[in-house]
Amino acid sequence: MKRQLQGISLILMGILLSVCFGNEPFFDLDFAWSVIFFAVGIVGVILTFLPEKHN
């Protein structure tokens, strides 16, 4: 199940990247909403790839 979740998160991150940065340069100094969504997406992908803690 963990591998499926990781694959789904990568696919969703790819869709988010294509939507957010469709017609804009990647390193634009203008702080837009797309940058916030991009940051939240990166955090989500990182959280999915962290190992699970077993107690």
PDB file of N, CA and C in Angstrom:
ATOM      1  N   MET A   1       0.824  -1.197   0.000  1.00  0.00           N
ATOM      2  CA  MET A   1       0.000   0.000   0.000  1.00  0.00           C
ATOM      3  C   MET A   1       0.863   1.254   0.000  1.00  0.00           C
ATOM      4  N   LYS A   2       2.007   1.190   0.677  1.00  0.00           N
ATOM      5  CA  LYS A   2       2.894   2.348   0.763  1.00  0.00           C
ATOM      6  C   LYS A   2       3.443   2.713  -0.615  1.00  0.00           C
ATOM      7  N   ARG A   3       3.804   1.712  -1.429  1.00  0.00           N
ATOM      8  CA  ARG A   3       4.338   1.982  -2.765  1.00  0.00           C
ATOM      9  C   ARG A   3       3.272   2.598  -3.668  1.00  0.00           C
ATOM     10  N   GLN A   4       2.031   2.161  -3.529  1.00  0.00           N
ATOM     11  CA  GLN A   4       0.949   2.732  -4.322  1.00  0.00           C
ATOM     12  C   GLN A   4       0.733   4.194  -3.958  1.00  0.00           C
ATOM     13  N   LEU A   5       0.792   4.503  -2.682  1.00  0.00           N
ATOM     14  CA  LEU A   5       0.621   5.876  -2.228  1.00  0.00           C
ATOM     15  C   LEU A   5       1.748   6.769  -2.742  1.00  0.00           C
ATOM     16  N   GLN A   6       2.963   6.245  -2.777  1.00  0.00           N
ATOM     17  CA  GLN A   6       4.089   7.010  -3.293  1.00  0.00           C
ATOM     18  C   GLN A   6       3.935   7.281  -4.787  1.00  0.00           C
ATOM     19  N   GLY A   7       3.465   6.288  -5.524  1.00  0.00           N
ATOM     20  CA  GLY A   7       3.249   6.475  -6.955  1.00  0.00           C
ATOM     21  C   GLY A   7       2.158   7.491  -7.240  1.00  0.00           C
ATOM     22  N   ILE A   8       1.082   7.407  -6.478  1.00  0.00           N
ATOM     23  CA  ILE A   8      -0.015   8.364  -6.652  1.00  0.00           C
ATOM     24  C   ILE A   8       0.445   9.770  -6.314  1.00  0.00           C
ATOM     25  N   SER A   9       1.260   9.910  -5.264  1.00  0.00           N
ATOM     26  CA  SER A   9       1.736  11.247  -4.895  1.00  0.00           C
ATOM     27  C   SER A   9       2.643  11.832  -5.972  1.00  0.00           C
ATOM     28  N   LEU A  10       3.459  11.006  -6.610  1.00  0.00           N
ATOM     29  CA  LEU A  10       4.313  11.507  -7.697  1.00  0.00           C
ATOM     30  C   LEU A  10       3.493  11.926  -8.913  1.00  0.00           C
ATOM     31  N   ILE A  11       2.453  11.160  -9.221  1.00  0.00           N
ATOM     32  CA  ILE A  11       1.591  11.524 -10.349  1.00  0.00           C
ATOM     33  C   ILE A  11       0.864  12.834 -10.062  1.00  0.00           C
ATOM     34  N   LEU A  12       0.331  12.979  -8.851  1.00  0.00           N
ATOM     35  CA  LEU A  12      -0.359  14.221  -8.499  1.00  0.00           C
ATOM     36  C   LEU A  12       0.589  15.413  -8.471  1.00  0.00           C
ATOM     37  N   MET A  13       1.835  15.204  -8.052  1.00  0.00           N
ATOM     38  CA  MET A  13       2.817  16.292  -8.051  1.00  0.00           C
ATOM     39  C   MET A  13       3.157  16.703  -9.473  1.00  0.00           C
ATOM     40  N   GLY A  14       3.237  15.747 -10.382  1.00  0.00           N
ATOM     41  CA  GLY A  14       3.478  16.068 -11.785  1.00  0.00           C
ATOM     42  C   GLY A  14       2.342  16.880 -12.385  1.00  0.00           C
ATOM     43  N   ILE A  15       1.112  16.529 -12.051  1.00  0.00           N
ATOM     44  CA  ILE A  15      -0.046  17.294 -12.520  1.00  0.00           C
ATOM     45  C   ILE A  15      -0.023  18.700 -11.930  1.00  0.00           C
ATOM     46  N   LEU A  16       0.307  18.811 -10.642  1.00  0.00           N
ATOM     47  CA  LEU A  16       0.386  20.117  -9.997  1.00  0.00           C
ATOM     48  C   LEU A  16       1.452  20.988 -10.640  1.00  0.00           C
ATOM     49  N   LEU A  17       2.599  20.409 -10.968  1.00  0.00           N
ATOM     50  CA  LEU A  17       3.661  21.176 -11.620  1.00  0.00           C
ATOM     51  C   LEU A  17       3.241  21.661 -12.996  1.00  0.00           C
ATOM     52  N   SER A  18       2.552  20.813 -13.743  1.00  0.00           N
ATOM     53  CA  SER A  18       2.137  21.223 -15.091  1.00  0.00           C
ATOM     54  C   SER A  18       1.057  22.298 -15.049  1.00  0.00           C
ATOM     55  N   VAL A  19       0.224  22.298 -14.011  1.00  0.00           N
ATOM     56  CA  VAL A  19      -0.819  23.310 -13.888  1.00  0.00           C
ATOM     57  C   VAL A  19      -0.246  24.629 -13.368  1.00  0.00           C
ATOM     58  N   CYS A  20       0.613  24.536 -12.367  1.00  0.00           N
ATOM     59  CA  CYS A  20       1.141  25.747 -11.733  1.00  0.00           C
ATOM     60  C   CYS A  20       2.104  26.506 -12.634  1.00  0.00           C
ATOM     61  N   PHE A  21       2.955  25.795 -13.340  1.00  0.00           N
ATOM     62  CA  PHE A  21       3.997  26.447 -14.103  1.00  0.00           C
ATOM     63  C   PHE A  21       3.819  26.224 -15.603  1.00  0.00           C
ATOM     64  N   GLY A  22       2.599  26.368 -16.072  1.00  0.00           N
ATOM     65  CA  GLY A  22       2.342  26.157 -17.485  1.00  0.00           C
ATOM     66  C   GLY A  22       2.924  27.237 -18.364  1.00  0.00           C
ATOM     67  N   ASN A  23       2.676  28.492 -18.054  1.00  0.00           N
ATOM     68  CA  ASN A  23       3.126  29.587 -18.912  1.00  0.00           C
ATOM     69  C   ASN A  23       4.069  30.541 -18.196  1.00  0.00           C
ATOM     70  N   GLU A  24       4.546  30.169 -17.018  1.00  0.00           N
ATOM     71  CA  GLU A  24       5.415  31.043 -16.247  1.00  0.00           C
ATOM     72  C   GLU A  24       6.813  30.440 -16.170  1.00  0.00           C
ATOM     73  N   PRO A  25       7.834  31.278 -16.069  1.00  0.00           N
ATOM     74  CA  PRO A  25       9.178  30.733 -15.833  1.00  0.00           C
ATOM     75  C   PRO A  25       9.283  30.168 -14.420  1.00  0.00           C
ATOM     76  N   PHE A  26      10.158  29.203 -14.237  1.00  0.00           N
ATOM     77  CA  PHE A  26      10.272  28.547 -12.937  1.00  0.00           C
ATOM     78  C   PHE A  26      10.850  29.471 -11.870  1.00  0.00           C
ATOM     79  N   PHE A  27      11.797  30.318 -12.229  1.00  0.00           N
ATOM     80  CA  PHE A  27      12.483  31.145 -11.243  1.00  0.00           C
ATOM     81  C   PHE A  27      12.035  32.591 -11.339  1.00  0.00           C
ATOM     82  N   ASP A  28      10.749  32.798 -11.281  1.00  0.00           N
ATOM     83  CA  ASP A  28      10.197  34.144 -11.307  1.00  0.00           C
ATOM     84  C   ASP A  28      10.214  34.699  -9.885  1.00  0.00           C
ATOM     85  N   LEU A  29      10.593  35.962  -9.716  1.00  0.00           N
ATOM     86  CA  LEU A  29      10.673  36.547  -8.385  1.00  0.00           C
ATOM     87  C   LEU A  29       9.318  37.035  -7.885  1.00  0.00           C
ATOM     88  N   ASP A  30       8.305  36.974  -8.723  1.00  0.00           N
ATOM     89  CA  ASP A  30       6.964  37.365  -8.313  1.00  0.00           C
ATOM     90  C   ASP A  30       6.358  36.233  -7.489  1.00  0.00           C
ATOM     91  N   PHE A  31       5.912  36.542  -6.263  1.00  0.00           N
ATOM     92  CA  PHE A  31       5.373  35.523  -5.359  1.00  0.00           C
ATOM     93  C   PHE A  31       3.896  35.347  -5.645  1.00  0.00           C
ATOM     94  N   ALA A  32       3.550  34.269  -6.315  1.00  0.00           N
ATOM     95  CA  ALA A  32       2.163  34.025  -6.711  1.00  0.00           C
ATOM     96  C   ALA A  32       1.611  32.833  -5.924  1.00  0.00           C
ATOM     97  N   TRP A  33       0.320  32.592  -6.076  1.00  0.00           N
ATOM     98  CA  TRP A  33      -0.327  31.465  -5.407  1.00  0.00           C
ATOM     99  C   TRP A  33       0.247  30.138  -5.855  1.00  0.00           C
ATOM    100  N   SER A  34       0.734  30.079  -7.096  1.00  0.00           N
ATOM    101  CA  SER A  34       1.283  28.825  -7.597  1.00  0.00           C
ATOM    102  C   SER A  34       2.513  28.399  -6.804  1.00  0.00           C
ATOM    103  N   VAL A  35       3.260  29.357  -6.287  1.00  0.00           N
ATOM    104  CA  VAL A  35       4.442  29.024  -5.486  1.00  0.00           C
ATOM    105  C   VAL A  35       4.016  28.382  -4.163  1.00  0.00           C
ATOM    106  N   ILE A  36       2.941  28.872  -3.577  1.00  0.00           N
ATOM    107  CA  ILE A  36       2.439  28.299  -2.327  1.00  0.00           C
ATOM    108  C   ILE A  36       1.958  26.870  -2.559  1.00  0.00           C
ATOM    109  N   PHE A  37       1.203  26.651  -3.647  1.00  0.00           N
ATOM    110  CA  PHE A  37       0.731  25.299  -3.961  1.00  0.00           C
ATOM    111  C   PHE A  37       1.902  24.364  -4.257  1.00  0.00           C
ATOM    112  N   PHE A  38       2.924  24.883  -4.921  1.00  0.00           N
ATOM    113  CA  PHE A  38       4.113  24.092  -5.223  1.00  0.00           C
ATOM    114  C   PHE A  38       4.817  23.668  -3.933  1.00  0.00           C
ATOM    115  N   ALA A  39       4.952  24.584  -2.986  1.00  0.00           N
ATOM    116  CA  ALA A  39       5.610  24.276  -1.716  1.00  0.00           C
ATOM    117  C   ALA A  39       4.819  23.231  -0.919  1.00  0.00           C
ATOM    118  N   VAL A  40       3.501  23.362  -0.902  1.00  0.00           N
ATOM    119  CA  VAL A  40       2.667  22.378  -0.199  1.00  0.00           C
ATOM    120  C   VAL A  40       2.776  21.012  -0.872  1.00  0.00           C
ATOM    121  N   GLY A  41       2.837  20.984  -2.194  1.00  0.00           N
ATOM    122  CA  GLY A  41       2.994  19.719  -2.917  1.00  0.00           C
ATOM    123  C   GLY A  41       4.318  19.047  -2.621  1.00  0.00           C
ATOM    124  N   ILE A  42       5.400  19.832  -2.559  1.00  0.00           N
ATOM    125  CA  ILE A  42       6.715  19.268  -2.241  1.00  0.00           C
ATOM    126  C   ILE A  42       6.720  18.679  -0.830  1.00  0.00           C
ATOM    127  N   VAL A  43       6.113  19.389   0.118  1.00  0.00           N
ATOM    128  CA  VAL A  43       6.031  18.879   1.493  1.00  0.00           C
ATOM    129  C   VAL A  43       5.241  17.573   1.524  1.00  0.00           C
ATOM    130  N   GLY A  44       4.162  17.492   0.758  1.00  0.00           N
ATOM    131  CA  GLY A  44       3.368  16.269   0.710  1.00  0.00           C
ATOM    132  C   GLY A  44       4.137  15.092   0.144  1.00  0.00           C
ATOM    133  N   VAL A  45       4.911  15.327  -0.903  1.00  0.00           N
ATOM    134  CA  VAL A  45       5.701  14.240  -1.491  1.00  0.00           C
ATOM    135  C   VAL A  45       6.789  13.788  -0.514  1.00  0.00           C
ATOM    136  N   ILE A  46       7.410  14.735   0.170  1.00  0.00           N
ATOM    137  CA  ILE A  46       8.440  14.374   1.149  1.00  0.00           C
ATOM    138  C   ILE A  46       7.833  13.547   2.281  1.00  0.00           C
ATOM    139  N   LEU A  47       6.645  13.947   2.743  1.00  0.00           N
ATOM    140  CA  LEU A  47       6.004  13.196   3.828  1.00  0.00           C
ATOM    141  C   LEU A  47       5.628  11.782   3.408  1.00  0.00           C
ATOM    142  N   THR A  48       5.307  11.577   2.126  1.00  0.00           N
ATOM    143  CA  THR A  48       4.951  10.226   1.693  1.00  0.00           C
ATOM    144  C   THR A  48       6.174   9.329   1.603  1.00  0.00           C
ATOM    145  N   PHE A  49       7.341   9.905   1.366  1.00  0.00           N
ATOM    146  CA  PHE A  49       8.538   9.085   1.227  1.00  0.00           C
ATOM    147  C   PHE A  49       9.293   8.899   2.545  1.00  0.00           C
ATOM    148  N   LEU A  50       8.834   9.506   3.626  1.00  0.00           N
ATOM    149  CA  LEU A  50       9.472   9.277   4.928  1.00  0.00           C
ATOM    150  C   LEU A  50       9.121   7.876   5.424  1.00  0.00           C
ATOM    151  N   PRO A  51      10.078   7.217   6.072  1.00  0.00           N
ATOM    152  CA  PRO A  51       9.766   5.869   6.587  1.00  0.00           C
ATOM    153  C   PRO A  51       8.777   5.928   7.741  1.00  0.00           C
ATOM    154  N   GLU A  52       7.999   4.849   7.870  1.00  0.00           N
ATOM    155  CA  GLU A  52       7.013   4.774   8.952  1.00  0.00           C
ATOM    156  C   GLU A  52       7.721   4.424  10.261  1.00  0.00           C
ATOM    157  N   LYS A  53       7.214   4.991  11.352  1.00  0.00           N
ATOM    158  CA  LYS A  53       7.755   4.679  12.670  1.00  0.00           C
ATOM    159  C   LYS A  53       6.939   3.539  13.281  1.00  0.00           C
ATOM    160  N   HIS A  54       7.602   2.470  13.666  1.00  0.00           N
ATOM    161  CA  HIS A  54       6.928   1.336  14.298  1.00  0.00           C
ATOM    162  C   HIS A  54       7.176   1.396  15.793  1.00  0.00           C
ATOM    163  N   ASN A  55       6.114   1.429  16.567  1.00  0.00           N
ATOM    164  CA  ASN A  55       6.248   1.490  18.027  1.00  0.00           C
ATOM    165  C   ASN A  55       6.169   0.130  18.642  1.00  0.00           C
TER     166      ASN A  55
END
